Amino acid sequence: MKKTIIVLLLAALNITLLKPCTTAVISGKATNDGRPLLMKHRDTDDLNNIIKYFNDGKYSYIGLVDASDSLYENVWIGFNEKGFAIMNSASYNLKDKSDTTDSADLEGVLMKHALMNCASIEEFEEYLSSAAKPLSVEANFGVIDAFGNAAYFETNNFTYKKFDVNDESTAPNGYLIRTNYSFSGYDDEGYGYIRYESAQEIFNQAESSNGISFDYLLKNVPRCLKHGLTKEDLRNQLPENDDVQVFKSFQDYIPRYYTSASVIVQGVLPNELPNLTTMWSIVGFPLSSVAIPVWLVEENDLPKLLTPNENGLAPICSASLQLKKEMFPIIRGSGDRYINLSRVMNKEETGITQKLQNVEETIIEKGNSVQNELRNGKNDKSKIIEFNNWVDNYITEQYNRLFGLNLF
């Protein structure tokens, strides 16, 4: 009996230590504009994330990192000056049963190295093949490059399997989704099967339109309130207003208490400059944060909302976590599994997520306008800096107006 209790406790502890992410790689064949996309909805127990510029390798690059990672040794999604982009989801069914390797969890280190040194998917595969083993990883690495390539590499300590998203026999719909199990791993092991179904339904709906777009994914994946197994859609159960707390079980949805960011890298067409790559970044809890486009500029020119302040934290992330407390007001026991839906959404549209919808739409519209100018030959760094200054001011004003929060 005592042994059973210990096993159950260890299993429960393991669940809290998992890093469940929902990811996708989309070929340009499946998008509305022909540009490939790389999507990562990140779940982790390190909820404070920031955006960093790096110039410590062969290529300069931008990445999402943990604010607590003072040496910035790990990158969790990013892109470099050559248009190469990478992200991952942790896998829990890929390590060989005979593998006794103790070292693990170096996925962030591997991705940082790839951004520093790889200009293409071909070079990344060469790196995986030639790197010293064991790699100390168990992950689905998603990658795109400026040549139109897109792929997943399901990778363990000693081997990998490539899934070419441009290959119709591998990805007949032009995209692949991965959560926390690998298709080349052990059957019925790992995690994220329900989230996979949720994401698959969203992508199916996107296909029926004129192709998959980054803004459709930004709106629907990180804010998906439909359960992949029960099909319960919380958007169909909205409270009248936010006067009374209305709690709903919030397990196995794509967004969850431990979601720290949701990011989409929008690649380029083969004839475009790699520095037109754009990383649409929702830093912080997606139900209380907004997407901000990020281009490859130096640290001081990035939006101040995304970069570390004097406390080492990104102001937009801190603000989102402050608002998140209203969505998860129960701090004892299993309170993180129950969301106060009335503060997220309600019929009077006074929910936090609802109030931020128009804010994000304005940012995307203006970001698209800047993108178009850059693509049409006006590749002027000053336009990016001007936009970044605008977005800092605009979001700061809106969070103060809507919620009384001071971001700076």
Protein backbone atom coordinates (compact mmCIF):
# COMPACT_ATOMS: atom_id res chain seq x y z
CA MET A 1 0.00 0.00 0.00
CA LYS A 2 2.82 2.37 0.93
CA LYS A 3 4.59 1.65 -2.37
CA THR A 4 1.37 2.38 -4.29
CA ILE A 5 0.97 5.75 -2.58
CA ILE A 6 4.57 6.70 -3.41
CA VAL A 7 4.08 5.75 -7.07
CA LEU A 8 0.90 7.82 -7.26
CA LEU A 9 2.62 10.80 -5.66
CA LEU A 10 5.50 10.57 -8.11
CA ALA A 11 3.07 10.34 -11.01
CA ALA A 12 1.27 13.45 -9.79
CA LEU A 13 4.58 15.27 -9.41
CA ASN A 14 5.58 14.27 -12.94
CA ILE A 15 2.40 15.81 -14.32
CA THR A 16 3.26 19.17 -12.77
CA LEU A 17 6.80 19.00 -14.16
CA LEU A 18 5.77 18.29 -17.74
CA LYS A 19 6.21 20.99 -20.37
CA PRO A 20 3.08 20.48 -22.49
CA CYS A 21 3.17 22.58 -25.67
CA THR A 22 0.98 22.62 -28.77
CA THR A 23 2.87 23.24 -32.01
CA ALA A 24 2.48 23.19 -35.78
CA VAL A 25 4.59 23.55 -38.92
CA ILE A 26 2.71 24.87 -41.95
CA SER A 27 4.05 24.74 -45.49
CA GLY A 28 3.66 27.76 -47.74
CA LYS A 29 1.50 25.48 -49.90
CA ALA A 30 -1.20 25.64 -47.22
CA THR A 31 -1.07 29.31 -46.23
CA ASN A 32 -3.08 32.16 -47.71
CA ASP A 33 0.03 34.01 -48.93
CA GLY A 34 2.50 31.22 -49.70
CA ARG A 35 4.72 31.93 -46.69
CA PRO A 36 5.47 29.08 -44.26
CA LEU A 37 4.47 29.36 -40.62
CA LEU A 38 5.94 28.00 -37.39
CA MET A 39 3.60 27.95 -34.39
CA LYS A 40 4.36 27.29 -30.74
CA HIS A 41 1.88 27.57 -27.90
CA ARG A 42 4.20 27.27 -24.91
CA ASP A 43 3.30 25.73 -21.55
CA THR A 44 5.83 25.77 -18.73
CA ASP A 45 6.14 26.44 -15.03
CA ASP A 46 8.38 29.44 -15.81
CA LEU A 47 5.62 31.93 -16.61
CA ASN A 48 7.76 35.05 -17.09
CA ASN A 49 9.03 35.13 -20.66
CA ILE A 50 10.87 37.85 -22.59
CA ILE A 51 12.06 38.50 -26.15
CA LYS A 52 15.82 38.84 -26.64
CA TYR A 53 18.13 39.89 -29.47
CA PHE A 54 21.37 37.90 -29.77
CA ASN A 55 24.58 38.53 -31.66
CA ASP A 56 26.72 35.81 -30.08
CA GLY A 57 27.07 33.44 -33.02
CA LYS A 58 27.61 33.21 -36.75
CA TYR A 59 24.17 34.80 -37.28
CA SER A 60 22.20 37.30 -35.24
CA TYR A 61 18.80 36.13 -34.05
CA ILE A 62 15.70 36.85 -31.98
CA GLY A 63 14.26 34.41 -29.47
CA LEU A 64 11.75 33.80 -26.71
CA VAL A 65 13.55 33.05 -23.45
CA ASP A 66 12.76 32.60 -19.77
CA ALA A 67 13.24 35.78 -17.75
CA SER A 68 14.85 33.62 -15.04
CA ASP A 69 17.51 32.37 -17.48
CA SER A 70 20.03 35.05 -16.52
CA LEU A 71 22.71 33.72 -18.88
CA TYR A 72 20.21 33.29 -21.74
CA GLU A 73 21.41 29.78 -22.46
CA ASN A 74 18.08 28.52 -23.80
CA VAL A 75 15.84 29.73 -26.63
CA TRP A 76 12.34 28.27 -26.95
CA ILE A 77 11.35 29.64 -30.36
CA GLY A 78 13.15 32.09 -32.61
CA PHE A 79 14.52 33.02 -36.02
CA ASN A 80 17.83 34.33 -37.36
CA GLU A 81 19.04 36.76 -40.02
CA LYS A 82 19.04 34.00 -42.65
CA GLY A 83 15.33 33.33 -42.17
CA PHE A 84 15.92 30.03 -40.39
CA ALA A 85 13.43 29.49 -37.55
CA ILE A 86 13.07 26.75 -34.96
CA MET A 87 10.88 25.70 -32.05
CA ASN A 88 10.04 22.49 -30.18
CA SER A 89 7.53 20.56 -28.19
CA ALA A 90 8.75 18.16 -25.53
CA SER A 91 8.07 14.52 -26.35
CA TYR A 92 7.43 11.78 -23.81
CA ASN A 93 7.37 8.65 -25.95
CA LEU A 94 10.54 8.97 -28.02
CA LYS A 95 13.41 7.93 -25.75
CA ASP A 96 14.50 4.38 -26.48
CA LYS A 97 13.62 1.95 -23.67
CA SER A 98 17.24 0.79 -23.54
CA ASP A 99 18.62 4.34 -23.30
CA THR A 100 20.17 4.86 -19.85
CA THR A 101 21.34 8.44 -20.48
CA ASP A 102 20.91 10.58 -17.37
CA SER A 103 21.40 14.02 -18.92
CA ALA A 104 18.27 15.61 -20.39
CA ASP A 105 16.34 18.81 -21.10
CA LEU A 106 18.89 20.50 -23.37
CA GLU A 107 16.33 21.32 -26.07
CA GLY A 108 16.63 25.07 -25.45
CA VAL A 109 20.42 24.88 -25.68
CA LEU A 110 20.22 22.93 -28.94
CA MET A 111 17.82 25.45 -30.47
CA LYS A 112 20.02 28.36 -29.45
CA HIS A 113 23.00 26.67 -31.11
CA ALA A 114 20.95 26.09 -34.27
CA LEU A 115 19.92 29.75 -34.47
CA MET A 116 23.52 30.81 -33.99
CA ASN A 117 24.88 28.57 -36.74
CA CYS A 118 22.25 27.27 -39.19
CA ALA A 119 21.05 29.08 -42.30
CA SER A 120 18.75 26.32 -43.57
CA ILE A 121 16.95 23.12 -42.67
CA GLU A 122 19.65 21.23 -44.56
CA GLU A 123 22.31 22.67 -42.26
CA PHE A 124 20.18 21.88 -39.20
CA GLU A 125 19.90 18.24 -40.27
CA GLU A 126 23.66 18.12 -40.79
CA TYR A 127 24.08 19.45 -37.26
CA LEU A 128 21.76 16.78 -35.80
CA SER A 129 23.69 14.08 -37.66
CA SER A 130 27.18 15.25 -36.70
CA ALA A 131 26.67 16.56 -33.15
CA ALA A 132 28.19 14.59 -30.29
CA LYS A 133 25.80 12.07 -28.78
CA PRO A 134 23.85 11.79 -26.57
CA LEU A 135 22.08 15.04 -27.43
CA SER A 136 20.23 15.09 -24.08
CA VAL A 137 16.93 15.86 -25.82
CA GLU A 138 13.56 14.24 -26.43
CA ALA A 139 11.54 16.55 -28.61
CA ASN A 140 9.72 17.39 -31.81
CA PHE A 141 11.78 20.18 -33.38
CA GLY A 142 9.85 22.26 -35.92
CA VAL A 143 11.82 24.27 -38.48
CA ILE A 144 11.29 26.51 -41.51
CA ASP A 145 13.78 28.42 -43.65
CA ALA A 146 13.93 31.17 -46.27
CA PHE A 147 14.04 28.62 -49.11
CA GLY A 148 10.48 27.45 -48.49
CA ASN A 149 11.44 24.32 -46.57
CA ALA A 150 9.39 23.18 -43.57
CA ALA A 151 9.82 20.09 -41.42
CA TYR A 152 9.63 18.37 -38.06
CA PHE A 153 12.54 16.41 -36.65
CA GLU A 154 11.44 13.93 -33.97
CA THR A 155 14.67 13.66 -32.05
CA ASN A 156 15.98 11.65 -29.11
CA ASN A 157 19.47 11.25 -27.68
CA PHE A 158 20.87 9.28 -30.59
CA THR A 159 18.52 9.36 -33.58
CA TYR A 160 15.98 11.50 -35.38
CA LYS A 161 13.24 11.09 -37.96
CA LYS A 162 12.44 13.88 -40.41
CA PHE A 163 8.87 14.71 -41.45
CA ASP A 164 8.93 16.93 -44.55
CA VAL A 165 5.85 19.17 -44.43
CA ASN A 166 6.21 19.93 -48.17
CA ASP A 167 5.87 16.21 -48.95
CA GLU A 168 2.23 15.43 -49.76
CA SER A 169 2.65 11.82 -48.69
CA THR A 170 3.77 13.01 -45.24
CA ALA A 171 1.57 16.09 -44.87
CA PRO A 172 -1.31 15.79 -47.37
CA ASN A 173 -2.92 18.99 -46.10
CA GLY A 174 0.31 21.00 -46.04
CA TYR A 175 0.79 21.10 -42.28
CA LEU A 176 1.67 18.90 -39.31
CA ILE A 177 0.73 19.29 -35.66
CA ARG A 178 2.68 18.02 -32.68
CA THR A 179 1.92 18.13 -28.96
CA ASN A 180 3.79 16.00 -26.43
CA TYR A 181 4.15 12.73 -28.21
CA SER A 182 5.97 11.76 -31.39
CA PHE A 183 4.50 9.85 -34.32
CA SER A 184 7.71 7.80 -34.56
CA GLY A 185 7.63 7.04 -30.82
CA TYR A 186 5.95 4.35 -28.74
CA ASP A 187 2.22 4.00 -29.43
CA ASP A 188 -0.25 5.39 -26.89
CA GLU A 189 2.48 6.94 -24.75
CA GLY A 190 3.24 10.60 -24.18
CA TYR A 191 0.77 13.43 -23.62
CA GLY A 192 -1.36 15.95 -25.47
CA TYR A 193 -3.70 13.69 -27.44
CA ILE A 194 -6.74 15.79 -26.51
CA ARG A 195 -4.97 19.07 -27.34
CA TYR A 196 -3.95 17.56 -30.67
CA GLU A 197 -7.62 16.96 -31.50
CA SER A 198 -8.47 20.55 -30.54
CA ALA A 199 -5.74 21.92 -32.79
CA GLN A 200 -6.68 19.59 -35.63
CA GLU A 201 -10.26 20.88 -35.59
CA ILE A 202 -9.03 24.49 -35.77
CA PHE A 203 -6.79 23.67 -38.73
CA ASN A 204 -9.60 21.82 -40.48
CA GLN A 205 -11.74 24.94 -40.23
CA ALA A 206 -8.88 27.10 -41.52
CA GLU A 207 -8.47 24.86 -44.56
CA SER A 208 -12.05 25.46 -45.60
CA SER A 209 -11.28 29.16 -46.08
CA ASN A 210 -8.70 30.59 -48.48
CA GLY A 211 -5.72 28.99 -46.78
CA ILE A 212 -4.25 29.14 -43.30
CA SER A 213 -3.25 32.61 -42.13
CA PHE A 214 -1.14 33.64 -39.16
CA ASP A 215 -3.86 35.92 -37.79
CA TYR A 216 -6.47 33.15 -37.92
CA LEU A 217 -4.15 30.94 -35.88
CA LEU A 218 -3.33 33.75 -33.42
CA LYS A 219 -7.01 34.32 -32.78
CA ASN A 220 -8.13 30.71 -32.58
CA VAL A 221 -5.35 28.49 -31.21
CA PRO A 222 -4.14 30.26 -28.03
CA ARG A 223 -7.71 31.38 -27.19
CA CYS A 224 -9.42 28.07 -28.01
CA LEU A 225 -12.05 27.32 -25.37
CA LYS A 226 -13.34 24.11 -26.94
CA HIS A 227 -12.34 20.81 -25.38
CA GLY A 228 -10.90 18.30 -27.83
CA LEU A 229 -12.50 15.26 -26.16
CA THR A 230 -15.81 16.37 -24.66
CA LYS A 231 -16.38 19.00 -27.40
CA GLU A 232 -17.59 21.36 -24.66
CA ASP A 233 -17.17 24.93 -25.93
CA LEU A 234 -17.04 27.48 -23.13
CA ARG A 235 -17.86 30.23 -25.62
CA ASN A 236 -21.34 28.71 -25.82
CA GLN A 237 -21.77 28.93 -22.05
CA LEU A 238 -21.01 32.58 -21.41
CA PRO A 239 -22.20 34.14 -18.13
CA GLU A 240 -24.48 37.17 -18.35
CA ASN A 241 -21.80 39.52 -16.97
CA ASP A 242 -18.78 39.52 -14.68
CA ASP A 243 -20.67 40.40 -11.49
CA VAL A 244 -20.56 36.79 -10.27
CA GLN A 245 -17.71 34.30 -10.53
CA VAL A 246 -18.56 31.37 -12.80
CA PHE A 247 -15.99 28.59 -12.54
CA LYS A 248 -15.34 25.99 -15.22
CA SER A 249 -13.00 23.03 -15.17
CA PHE A 250 -10.02 24.02 -17.33
CA GLN A 251 -7.97 20.89 -18.02
CA ASP A 252 -6.73 19.63 -21.37
CA TYR A 253 -7.64 22.82 -23.23
CA ILE A 254 -4.93 24.31 -25.46
CA PRO A 255 -4.60 27.38 -23.21
CA ARG A 256 -4.03 26.43 -19.58
CA TYR A 257 -2.87 27.92 -16.33
CA TYR A 258 0.75 27.16 -17.23
CA THR A 259 0.70 28.78 -20.67
CA SER A 260 3.48 31.37 -20.82
CA ALA A 261 3.41 32.51 -24.47
CA SER A 262 2.05 31.77 -27.92
CA VAL A 263 4.23 32.64 -30.91
CA ILE A 264 3.98 32.30 -34.68
CA VAL A 265 6.98 32.84 -36.95
CA GLN A 266 5.85 33.98 -40.38
CA GLY A 267 8.49 33.08 -42.93
CA VAL A 268 9.24 34.61 -46.32
CA LEU A 269 8.73 33.74 -49.96
CA PRO A 270 11.83 32.28 -51.68
CA ASN A 271 12.42 35.57 -53.55
CA GLU A 272 12.09 37.78 -50.46
CA LEU A 273 14.78 39.03 -48.11
CA PRO A 274 15.18 36.78 -45.03
CA ASN A 275 15.06 39.79 -42.70
CA LEU A 276 11.37 40.18 -43.57
CA THR A 277 10.69 37.19 -41.32
CA THR A 278 8.19 38.24 -38.65
CA MET A 279 7.63 36.70 -35.21
CA TRP A 280 4.08 37.43 -34.00
CA SER A 281 4.51 37.17 -30.25
CA ILE A 282 1.90 36.82 -27.53
CA VAL A 283 4.15 37.02 -24.49
CA GLY A 284 2.42 36.15 -21.23
CA PHE A 285 -0.95 34.48 -20.70
CA PRO A 286 -2.74 34.60 -24.10
CA LEU A 287 -6.19 35.28 -22.63
CA SER A 288 -4.86 38.51 -21.09
CA SER A 289 -2.08 39.49 -23.51
CA VAL A 290 -1.91 40.63 -27.15
CA ALA A 291 0.15 39.73 -30.21
CA ILE A 292 3.06 42.01 -31.15
CA PRO A 293 5.05 41.57 -34.39
CA VAL A 294 8.81 41.34 -33.94
CA TRP A 295 11.40 41.92 -36.64
CA LEU A 296 15.15 41.41 -36.42
CA VAL A 297 16.45 44.61 -34.89
CA GLU A 298 18.91 45.14 -32.07
CA GLU A 299 17.89 44.93 -28.41
CA ASN A 300 17.41 48.64 -27.82
CA ASP A 301 15.15 48.91 -30.88
CA LEU A 302 12.77 46.08 -29.91
CA PRO A 303 9.42 46.91 -28.29
CA LYS A 304 10.14 47.78 -24.66
CA LEU A 305 7.03 45.85 -23.65
CA LEU A 306 8.70 42.59 -24.68
CA THR A 307 12.21 43.13 -23.36
CA PRO A 308 13.42 42.98 -19.73
CA ASN A 309 12.89 46.08 -17.59
CA GLU A 310 14.92 46.99 -14.50
CA ASN A 311 13.43 43.93 -12.77
CA GLY A 312 14.34 41.64 -15.64
CA LEU A 313 10.70 41.18 -16.67
CA ALA A 314 8.76 42.03 -19.83
CA PRO A 315 6.06 44.61 -18.92
CA ILE A 316 3.42 43.02 -21.18
CA CYS A 317 4.04 39.64 -19.57
CA SER A 318 3.77 41.09 -16.06
CA ALA A 319 0.51 42.85 -16.97
CA SER A 320 -0.98 39.67 -18.41
CA LEU A 321 -0.09 37.71 -15.28
CA GLN A 322 -1.68 40.39 -13.11
CA LEU A 323 -4.93 40.14 -15.09
CA LYS A 324 -4.70 36.35 -15.09
CA LYS A 325 -5.17 36.39 -11.31
CA GLU A 326 -8.74 37.55 -11.91
CA MET A 327 -9.29 34.52 -14.14
CA PHE A 328 -7.73 32.11 -11.61
CA PRO A 329 -8.57 33.68 -8.23
CA ILE A 330 -8.34 30.42 -6.25
CA ILE A 331 -4.75 30.07 -5.09
CA ARG A 332 -5.11 27.03 -2.83
CA GLY A 333 -5.39 23.36 -3.69
CA SER A 334 -6.33 22.71 -7.30
CA GLY A 335 -7.40 26.28 -8.01
CA ASP A 336 -5.22 26.44 -11.11
CA ARG A 337 -7.52 23.89 -12.76
CA TYR A 338 -10.61 26.09 -12.56
CA ILE A 339 -11.07 29.28 -14.55
CA ASN A 340 -13.46 32.11 -13.72
CA LEU A 341 -15.11 32.31 -17.13
CA SER A 342 -16.98 35.53 -16.36
CA ARG A 343 -13.67 37.46 -16.25
CA VAL A 344 -12.54 35.90 -19.52
CA MET A 345 -15.75 36.37 -21.51
CA ASN A 346 -19.39 37.16 -20.86
CA LYS A 347 -22.48 38.24 -22.77
CA GLU A 348 -21.95 41.91 -21.91
CA GLU A 349 -18.46 41.64 -23.48
CA THR A 350 -16.72 43.03 -20.40
CA GLY A 351 -14.37 40.06 -20.12
CA ILE A 352 -10.62 40.65 -20.22
CA THR A 353 -10.11 38.67 -23.42
CA GLN A 354 -13.02 40.45 -25.08
CA LYS A 355 -11.71 43.89 -24.18
CA LEU A 356 -8.33 43.08 -25.69
CA GLN A 357 -9.69 41.76 -28.98
CA ASN A 358 -9.98 45.16 -30.66
CA VAL A 359 -6.58 46.17 -29.28
CA GLU A 360 -4.93 43.18 -30.92
CA GLU A 361 -6.80 43.68 -34.19
CA THR A 362 -5.49 47.25 -34.37
CA ILE A 363 -1.93 46.03 -33.77
CA ILE A 364 -2.20 43.35 -36.45
CA GLU A 365 -3.68 45.79 -38.96
CA LYS A 366 -0.88 48.31 -38.42
CA GLY A 367 1.73 45.55 -38.32
CA ASN A 368 0.49 44.25 -41.67
CA SER A 369 0.78 47.76 -43.09
CA VAL A 370 4.42 47.99 -42.01
CA GLN A 371 5.05 44.50 -43.40
CA ASN A 372 3.70 45.52 -46.79
CA GLU A 373 5.91 48.61 -46.88
CA LEU A 374 8.97 46.51 -46.05
CA ARG A 375 8.09 43.92 -48.69
CA ASN A 376 7.52 46.57 -51.35
CA GLY A 377 11.08 47.76 -51.29
CA LYS A 378 10.93 50.19 -48.40
CA ASN A 379 13.12 47.96 -46.24
CA ASP A 380 13.91 50.76 -43.85
CA LYS A 381 14.86 49.96 -40.27
CA SER A 382 13.43 53.31 -39.18
CA LYS A 383 9.92 52.10 -40.11
CA ILE A 384 10.31 49.17 -37.73
CA ILE A 385 11.59 51.40 -34.94
CA GLU A 386 8.73 53.82 -35.52
CA PHE A 387 6.22 50.98 -35.28
CA ASN A 388 7.85 49.59 -32.13
CA ASN A 389 7.60 52.99 -30.45
CA TRP A 390 3.97 53.25 -31.51
CA VAL A 391 3.06 49.77 -30.24
CA ASP A 392 4.69 50.46 -26.86
CA ASN A 393 2.66 53.64 -26.45
CA TYR A 394 -0.58 52.20 -27.82
CA ILE A 395 -0.64 49.08 -25.65
CA THR A 396 0.41 51.03 -22.57
CA GLU A 397 -2.46 53.47 -23.11
CA GLN A 398 -4.98 50.68 -23.70
CA TYR A 399 -4.05 48.61 -20.64
CA ASN A 400 -4.30 51.74 -18.53
CA ARG A 401 -7.64 52.74 -20.05
CA LEU A 402 -9.19 49.29 -19.90
CA PHE A 403 -7.74 47.92 -16.67
CA GLY A 404 -6.06 50.78 -14.82
CA LEU A 405 -2.64 49.12 -15.15
CA ASN A 406 0.63 51.02 -15.56
CA LEU A 407 3.03 48.99 -17.68
CA PHE A 408 6.01 51.30 -17.21
